[in-house]
Amino acid sequence: MYNRTREHKLTSKTKQILRDALELPPVERAELAKQLLASFIMPADKNMDALWAQEAEERIDAYEKGLINSVPAEKVFDKLTSQNQ
């Protein structure tokens, strides 16, 4: 359920939008929430995406040539877990 104790931080216009949104059917509220959350996601940086794609390709090539080894995910997670304890 919605926590009204935080409502005081909203402007009157925002409070009205919230009241209206809470009256929407669940499916429409979910879609509205999804779109609002998506508005916080930063747009993709095409240059950064290209650099990561190149890095991934280079790592795959190195693995296939035997230049690097793989590590089972379980071992990686176990190591991370032990470091964080």
Foldseek 3Di string as FASTA:
>chain_A
DDDCVPVVVDDPVVNVVVVVLVPDPPVSNVVVVVVVVVVPDDDDDVVVVVVVVVVVVVVVVCVVVVVDDDDDPVVVVVVVVVVVD
